[in-house]
Amino acid sequence: MKGNKSNIFLAALVGGLADLSYFIFLDLGGFVKFMPGTLMTTFSYTAIILSFYVYF
């Protein structure tokens, strides 16, 4: 699994879509406070971007 391009893309896709739905329905819906909710979204997308950077 380590270094396999399709696994990295699949993990980023699943994590990104799950966090995108969290952002749309909870953060933008106003059900969570801005700072803790947006901080989770920021960390998630930073992890996805860093995984692509490390791979390439």
C-alpha atoms as a PDB file:
ATOM      1  CA  MET A   1       0.000   0.000   0.000  1.00  0.00           C
ATOM      2  CA  LYS A   2       2.897   2.321   0.677  1.00  0.00           C
ATOM      3  CA  GLY A   3       3.751   4.421  -2.363  1.00  0.00           C
ATOM      4  CA  ASN A   4       0.837   3.176  -4.460  1.00  0.00           C
ATOM      5  CA  LYS A   5      -0.655   6.102  -6.381  1.00  0.00           C
ATOM      6  CA  SER A   6      -4.213   4.766  -6.521  1.00  0.00           C
ATOM      7  CA  ASN A   7      -4.330   4.228  -2.746  1.00  0.00           C
ATOM      8  CA  ILE A   8      -3.214   7.779  -2.057  1.00  0.00           C
ATOM      9  CA  PHE A   9      -5.845   9.198  -4.409  1.00  0.00           C
ATOM     10  CA  LEU A  10      -8.575   6.965  -2.961  1.00  0.00           C
ATOM     11  CA  ALA A  11      -7.732   7.950   0.617  1.00  0.00           C
ATOM     12  CA  ALA A  12      -7.702  11.640  -0.315  1.00  0.00           C
ATOM     13  CA  LEU A  13     -11.005  11.299  -2.157  1.00  0.00           C
ATOM     14  CA  VAL A  14     -12.788   9.543   0.711  1.00  0.00           C
ATOM     15  CA  GLY A  15     -11.385  11.875   3.356  1.00  0.00           C
ATOM     16  CA  GLY A  16     -12.023  14.965   1.273  1.00  0.00           C
ATOM     17  CA  LEU A  17     -15.620  14.079   0.482  1.00  0.00           C
ATOM     18  CA  ALA A  18     -16.382  13.214   4.095  1.00  0.00           C
ATOM     19  CA  ASP A  19     -14.916  16.490   5.298  1.00  0.00           C
ATOM     20  CA  LEU A  20     -16.621  18.456   2.531  1.00  0.00           C
ATOM     21  CA  SER A  21     -20.010  17.176   3.655  1.00  0.00           C
ATOM     22  CA  TYR A  22     -19.122  18.052   7.277  1.00  0.00           C
ATOM     23  CA  PHE A  23     -18.160  21.564   6.173  1.00  0.00           C
ATOM     24  CA  ILE A  24     -21.279  22.125   4.087  1.00  0.00           C
ATOM     25  CA  PHE A  25     -23.887  20.731   6.459  1.00  0.00           C
ATOM     26  CA  LEU A  26     -22.445  21.567   9.879  1.00  0.00           C
ATOM     27  CA  ASP A  27     -20.095  24.541   9.475  1.00  0.00           C
ATOM     28  CA  LEU A  28     -22.104  26.474   6.910  1.00  0.00           C
ATOM     29  CA  GLY A  29     -25.367  25.313   8.464  1.00  0.00           C
ATOM     30  CA  GLY A  30     -24.414  27.032  11.710  1.00  0.00           C
ATOM     31  CA  PHE A  31     -24.611  23.966  13.953  1.00  0.00           C
ATOM     32  CA  VAL A  32     -21.021  24.243  15.246  1.00  0.00           C
ATOM     33  CA  LYS A  33     -18.962  27.200  16.351  1.00  0.00           C
ATOM     34  CA  PHE A  34     -16.708  28.698  13.706  1.00  0.00           C
ATOM     35  CA  MET A  35     -13.327  28.103  15.303  1.00  0.00           C
ATOM     36  CA  PRO A  36     -13.365  24.411  16.306  1.00  0.00           C
ATOM     37  CA  GLY A  37     -15.318  23.266  13.242  1.00  0.00           C
ATOM     38  CA  THR A  38     -13.311  25.186  10.691  1.00  0.00           C
ATOM     39  CA  LEU A  39     -10.088  24.170  12.392  1.00  0.00           C
ATOM     40  CA  MET A  40     -10.952  20.500  11.805  1.00  0.00           C
ATOM     41  CA  THR A  41     -11.684  21.208   8.141  1.00  0.00           C
ATOM     42  CA  THR A  42      -8.404  23.094   7.772  1.00  0.00           C
ATOM     43  CA  PHE A  43      -6.378  20.249   9.305  1.00  0.00           C
ATOM     44  CA  SER A  44      -8.092  17.680   7.124  1.00  0.00           C
ATOM     45  CA  TYR A  45      -7.415  19.501   3.865  1.00  0.00           C
ATOM     46  CA  THR A  46      -3.859  20.289   4.961  1.00  0.00           C
ATOM     47  CA  ALA A  47      -3.268  16.569   5.532  1.00  0.00           C
ATOM     48  CA  ILE A  48      -4.605  15.762   2.046  1.00  0.00           C
ATOM     49  CA  ILE A  49      -2.428  18.407   0.397  1.00  0.00           C
ATOM     50  CA  LEU A  50       0.666  17.320   2.331  1.00  0.00           C
ATOM     51  CA  SER A  51       0.149  13.686   1.361  1.00  0.00           C
ATOM     52  CA  PHE A  52       0.171  14.669  -2.318  1.00  0.00           C
ATOM     53  CA  TYR A  53       3.232  16.851  -1.768  1.00  0.00           C
ATOM     54  CA  VAL A  54       5.142  14.045  -0.047  1.00  0.00           C
ATOM     55  CA  TYR A  55       4.188  11.543  -2.746  1.00  0.00           C
ATOM     56  CA  PHE A  56       5.248  13.736  -5.656  1.00  0.00           C
END
